[in-house]
Amino acid sequence: MIDYTEIKKRFADKDIKQYTVKQLKILSGGTLAKIGSNNGDHVSTATIEEICQLLQCQPWDLLKDWKVELDPAKSIESLRAEYKHEKKAKKEGKA
């Protein structure tokens, strides 16, 4: 899940208010809502780049707390094993 806390912190540090961002048409209201709610809603890489330009920083400065909850079932090893199992079952069914 993506954590936008650092973006909000940096906006506050630079005294960037939602009103200013909307007025100057820097970010849309929807994007501001996503950042404000901080519930992991998707913000495009283009938007992250715009925010980086605004704050004069790099993406990793803003998303350093980005953590992915890993699901072992989605690993390449699991997917390969599942594919082999399905292929074997299909082959045995045809034999």
N, C-alpha and C. Protein backbone atom coordinates (compact mmCIF):
# COMPACT_ATOMS: atom_id res chain seq x y z
N MET A 1 0.84 -1.19 0.00
CA MET A 1 0.00 0.00 0.00
C MET A 1 0.88 1.24 0.00
N ILE A 2 0.47 2.24 -0.72
CA ILE A 2 1.23 3.48 -0.80
C ILE A 2 0.78 4.41 0.31
N ASP A 3 1.77 4.98 0.99
CA ASP A 3 1.53 5.91 2.09
C ASP A 3 1.90 7.31 1.62
N TYR A 4 0.94 8.22 1.63
CA TYR A 4 1.16 9.59 1.15
C TYR A 4 1.48 10.56 2.29
N THR A 5 1.80 10.05 3.46
CA THR A 5 2.07 10.91 4.62
C THR A 5 3.18 11.91 4.33
N GLU A 6 4.23 11.46 3.66
CA GLU A 6 5.38 12.34 3.38
C GLU A 6 4.97 13.49 2.46
N ILE A 7 4.10 13.23 1.51
CA ILE A 7 3.62 14.31 0.63
C ILE A 7 2.88 15.35 1.46
N LYS A 8 1.98 14.87 2.31
CA LYS A 8 1.22 15.81 3.15
C LYS A 8 2.15 16.60 4.06
N LYS A 9 3.16 15.94 4.61
CA LYS A 9 4.12 16.60 5.51
C LYS A 9 4.88 17.68 4.75
N ARG A 10 5.34 17.35 3.56
CA ARG A 10 6.10 18.33 2.77
C ARG A 10 5.22 19.49 2.30
N PHE A 11 3.97 19.21 1.98
CA PHE A 11 3.05 20.30 1.66
C PHE A 11 2.92 21.24 2.86
N ALA A 12 2.76 20.67 4.04
CA ALA A 12 2.62 21.48 5.24
C ALA A 12 3.91 22.27 5.53
N ASP A 13 5.06 21.63 5.36
CA ASP A 13 6.35 22.30 5.59
C ASP A 13 6.54 23.50 4.68
N LYS A 14 6.01 23.42 3.46
CA LYS A 14 6.15 24.51 2.49
C LYS A 14 4.91 25.40 2.47
N ASP A 15 4.03 25.18 3.43
CA ASP A 15 2.79 25.96 3.56
C ASP A 15 1.98 25.94 2.26
N ILE A 16 1.89 24.75 1.68
CA ILE A 16 1.09 24.56 0.47
C ILE A 16 -0.28 24.04 0.89
N LYS A 17 -1.27 24.86 0.67
CA LYS A 17 -2.64 24.52 1.06
C LYS A 17 -3.40 23.91 -0.13
N GLN A 18 -4.43 23.15 0.17
CA GLN A 18 -5.25 22.55 -0.89
C GLN A 18 -5.82 23.63 -1.80
N TYR A 19 -6.25 24.72 -1.19
CA TYR A 19 -6.83 25.81 -1.97
C TYR A 19 -5.83 26.33 -3.00
N THR A 20 -4.59 26.51 -2.58
CA THR A 20 -3.54 27.01 -3.48
C THR A 20 -3.30 26.04 -4.62
N VAL A 21 -3.21 24.76 -4.29
CA VAL A 21 -2.95 23.74 -5.30
C VAL A 21 -4.08 23.70 -6.32
N LYS A 22 -5.31 23.82 -5.86
CA LYS A 22 -6.46 23.83 -6.77
C LYS A 22 -6.48 25.12 -7.60
N GLN A 23 -6.26 26.25 -6.93
CA GLN A 23 -6.32 27.55 -7.59
C GLN A 23 -5.27 27.65 -8.70
N LEU A 24 -4.07 27.15 -8.45
CA LEU A 24 -3.00 27.21 -9.44
C LEU A 24 -3.07 26.05 -10.43
N LYS A 25 -4.10 25.20 -10.27
CA LYS A 25 -4.33 24.05 -11.14
C LYS A 25 -3.11 23.14 -11.22
N ILE A 26 -2.51 22.90 -10.06
CA ILE A 26 -1.34 22.03 -9.97
C ILE A 26 -1.80 20.57 -9.91
N LEU A 27 -2.80 20.30 -9.09
CA LEU A 27 -3.36 18.96 -8.94
C LEU A 27 -4.87 19.06 -8.92
N SER A 28 -5.53 17.99 -9.32
CA SER A 28 -6.99 17.99 -9.31
C SER A 28 -7.51 17.77 -7.90
N GLY A 29 -8.76 18.09 -7.70
CA GLY A 29 -9.41 17.86 -6.41
C GLY A 29 -9.43 16.38 -6.07
N GLY A 30 -9.63 15.54 -7.09
CA GLY A 30 -9.64 14.09 -6.87
C GLY A 30 -8.30 13.58 -6.37
N THR A 31 -7.23 14.09 -6.96
CA THR A 31 -5.89 13.68 -6.53
C THR A 31 -5.63 14.14 -5.11
N LEU A 32 -6.02 15.36 -4.81
CA LEU A 32 -5.84 15.87 -3.44
C LEU A 32 -6.63 15.02 -2.44
N ALA A 33 -7.82 14.58 -2.84
CA ALA A 33 -8.63 13.73 -1.97
C ALA A 33 -7.93 12.40 -1.72
N LYS A 34 -7.35 11.82 -2.77
CA LYS A 34 -6.63 10.55 -2.62
C LYS A 34 -5.46 10.69 -1.67
N ILE A 35 -4.71 11.77 -1.84
CA ILE A 35 -3.56 12.01 -0.96
C ILE A 35 -4.03 12.28 0.46
N GLY A 36 -5.08 13.07 0.57
CA GLY A 36 -5.60 13.42 1.89
C GLY A 36 -6.16 12.24 2.66
N SER A 37 -6.84 11.34 1.96
CA SER A 37 -7.43 10.19 2.65
C SER A 37 -6.38 9.16 3.02
N ASN A 38 -5.28 9.13 2.26
CA ASN A 38 -4.14 8.25 2.53
C ASN A 38 -4.57 6.79 2.71
N ASN A 39 -5.50 6.34 1.86
CA ASN A 39 -5.95 4.95 1.98
C ASN A 39 -5.37 4.06 0.88
N GLY A 40 -4.32 4.54 0.23
CA GLY A 40 -3.65 3.72 -0.77
C GLY A 40 -4.22 3.83 -2.17
N ASP A 41 -5.16 4.76 -2.38
CA ASP A 41 -5.71 4.95 -3.72
C ASP A 41 -4.60 5.31 -4.69
N HIS A 42 -4.73 4.85 -5.92
CA HIS A 42 -3.72 5.04 -6.96
C HIS A 42 -3.59 6.51 -7.35
N VAL A 43 -2.36 6.98 -7.37
CA VAL A 43 -2.01 8.28 -7.94
C VAL A 43 -1.01 7.98 -9.04
N SER A 44 -1.22 8.51 -10.22
CA SER A 44 -0.39 8.15 -11.37
C SER A 44 1.07 8.60 -11.19
N THR A 45 1.94 7.95 -11.93
CA THR A 45 3.35 8.34 -11.88
C THR A 45 3.53 9.75 -12.42
N ALA A 46 2.71 10.15 -13.38
CA ALA A 46 2.78 11.52 -13.90
C ALA A 46 2.46 12.52 -12.79
N THR A 47 1.47 12.18 -11.96
CA THR A 47 1.11 13.06 -10.84
C THR A 47 2.23 13.11 -9.81
N ILE A 48 2.83 11.96 -9.52
CA ILE A 48 3.96 11.94 -8.59
C ILE A 48 5.07 12.83 -9.13
N GLU A 49 5.30 12.77 -10.44
CA GLU A 49 6.33 13.61 -11.05
C GLU A 49 5.99 15.09 -10.90
N GLU A 50 4.72 15.45 -11.08
CA GLU A 50 4.29 16.84 -10.90
C GLU A 50 4.53 17.30 -9.45
N ILE A 51 4.21 16.42 -8.50
CA ILE A 51 4.42 16.75 -7.09
C ILE A 51 5.92 16.91 -6.82
N CYS A 52 6.73 16.05 -7.41
CA CYS A 52 8.19 16.16 -7.25
C CYS A 52 8.70 17.49 -7.79
N GLN A 53 8.18 17.92 -8.94
CA GLN A 53 8.58 19.22 -9.49
C GLN A 53 8.17 20.34 -8.53
N LEU A 54 6.97 20.25 -8.02
CA LEU A 54 6.46 21.27 -7.10
C LEU A 54 7.32 21.36 -5.84
N LEU A 55 7.67 20.19 -5.30
CA LEU A 55 8.43 20.15 -4.04
C LEU A 55 9.94 20.09 -4.26
N GLN A 56 10.36 19.95 -5.52
CA GLN A 56 11.78 19.84 -5.87
C GLN A 56 12.44 18.69 -5.10
N CYS A 57 11.91 17.49 -5.35
CA CYS A 57 12.43 16.29 -4.72
C CYS A 57 12.30 15.12 -5.69
N GLN A 58 12.75 13.98 -5.28
CA GLN A 58 12.68 12.77 -6.08
C GLN A 58 11.54 11.88 -5.57
N PRO A 59 11.00 10.99 -6.41
CA PRO A 59 9.89 10.13 -5.99
C PRO A 59 10.19 9.32 -4.73
N TRP A 60 11.40 8.79 -4.62
CA TRP A 60 11.72 7.97 -3.44
C TRP A 60 11.74 8.80 -2.17
N ASP A 61 11.90 10.12 -2.28
CA ASP A 61 11.80 10.99 -1.10
C ASP A 61 10.37 11.00 -0.56
N LEU A 62 9.41 10.87 -1.46
CA LEU A 62 8.00 10.94 -1.08
C LEU A 62 7.41 9.57 -0.74
N LEU A 63 7.92 8.52 -1.38
CA LEU A 63 7.32 7.20 -1.24
C LEU A 63 8.22 6.24 -0.48
N LYS A 64 9.05 6.77 0.38
CA LYS A 64 10.01 5.92 1.09
C LYS A 64 9.34 4.91 2.02
N ASP A 65 8.13 5.20 2.42
CA ASP A 65 7.41 4.29 3.31
C ASP A 65 6.49 3.34 2.54
N TRP A 66 6.64 3.28 1.24
CA TRP A 66 5.81 2.41 0.40
C TRP A 66 6.17 0.97 0.69
N LYS A 67 5.21 0.24 1.18
CA LYS A 67 5.41 -1.17 1.51
C LYS A 67 4.40 -1.99 0.71
N VAL A 68 4.86 -3.10 0.21
CA VAL A 68 4.00 -4.03 -0.52
C VAL A 68 3.80 -5.25 0.37
N GLU A 69 2.55 -5.57 0.65
CA GLU A 69 2.26 -6.78 1.41
C GLU A 69 2.39 -7.95 0.45
N LEU A 70 3.46 -8.70 0.63
CA LEU A 70 3.77 -9.78 -0.31
C LEU A 70 2.85 -10.98 -0.10
N ASP A 71 2.37 -11.49 -1.22
CA ASP A 71 1.53 -12.67 -1.24
C ASP A 71 2.34 -13.78 -1.92
N PRO A 72 2.79 -14.79 -1.16
CA PRO A 72 3.60 -15.85 -1.75
C PRO A 72 2.92 -16.54 -2.94
N ALA A 73 1.61 -16.55 -2.98
CA ALA A 73 0.89 -17.19 -4.08
C ALA A 73 1.08 -16.43 -5.40
N LYS A 74 1.55 -15.19 -5.33
CA LYS A 74 1.76 -14.41 -6.55
C LYS A 74 3.22 -14.40 -6.99
N SER A 75 4.05 -15.16 -6.30
CA SER A 75 5.47 -15.22 -6.67
C SER A 75 5.65 -15.99 -7.96
N ILE A 76 6.75 -15.77 -8.63
CA ILE A 76 7.01 -16.47 -9.88
C ILE A 76 7.10 -17.97 -9.64
N GLU A 77 7.65 -18.36 -8.51
CA GLU A 77 7.76 -19.78 -8.20
C GLU A 77 6.38 -20.43 -8.08
N SER A 78 5.48 -19.76 -7.37
CA SER A 78 4.12 -20.31 -7.22
C SER A 78 3.37 -20.35 -8.54
N LEU A 79 3.53 -19.31 -9.33
CA LEU A 79 2.83 -19.26 -10.61
C LEU A 79 3.35 -20.34 -11.56
N ARG A 80 4.67 -20.56 -11.53
CA ARG A 80 5.23 -21.62 -12.37
C ARG A 80 4.74 -22.99 -11.92
N ALA A 81 4.73 -23.22 -10.61
CA ALA A 81 4.26 -24.50 -10.07
C ALA A 81 2.79 -24.73 -10.44
N GLU A 82 1.98 -23.70 -10.32
CA GLU A 82 0.56 -23.80 -10.67
C GLU A 82 0.39 -24.12 -12.16
N TYR A 83 1.18 -23.46 -12.98
CA TYR A 83 1.12 -23.70 -14.43
C TYR A 83 1.49 -25.14 -14.75
N LYS A 84 2.58 -25.63 -14.15
CA LYS A 84 3.01 -27.01 -14.38
C LYS A 84 1.95 -28.00 -13.93
N HIS A 85 1.34 -27.70 -12.77
CA HIS A 85 0.29 -28.58 -12.24
C HIS A 85 -0.90 -28.61 -13.20
N GLU A 86 -1.33 -27.46 -13.67
CA GLU A 86 -2.46 -27.40 -14.60
C GLU A 86 -2.13 -28.09 -15.92
N LYS A 87 -0.91 -27.89 -16.40
CA LYS A 87 -0.49 -28.51 -17.65
C LYS A 87 -0.47 -30.03 -17.51
N LYS A 88 0.04 -30.50 -16.37
CA LYS A 88 0.09 -31.95 -16.11
C LYS A 88 -1.33 -32.53 -16.01
N ALA A 89 -2.21 -31.83 -15.31
CA ALA A 89 -3.59 -32.30 -15.15
C ALA A 89 -4.31 -32.35 -16.50
N LYS A 90 -4.04 -31.36 -17.34
CA LYS A 90 -4.63 -31.31 -18.66
C LYS A 90 -4.13 -32.49 -19.51
N LYS A 91 -2.83 -32.73 -19.42
CA LYS A 91 -2.22 -33.82 -20.19
C LYS A 91 -2.77 -35.17 -19.74
N GLU A 92 -2.90 -35.36 -18.43
CA GLU A 92 -3.40 -36.62 -17.89
C GLU A 92 -4.88 -36.80 -18.26
N GLY A 93 -5.60 -35.71 -18.34
CA GLY A 93 -7.02 -35.78 -18.72
C GLY A 93 -7.21 -36.18 -20.16
N LYS A 94 -6.28 -35.86 -21.03
CA LYS A 94 -6.37 -36.18 -22.45
C LYS A 94 -5.87 -37.60 -22.74
N ALA A 95 -5.03 -38.11 -21.87
CA ALA A 95 -4.42 -39.44 -22.13
C ALA A 95 -5.38 -40.57 -22.05
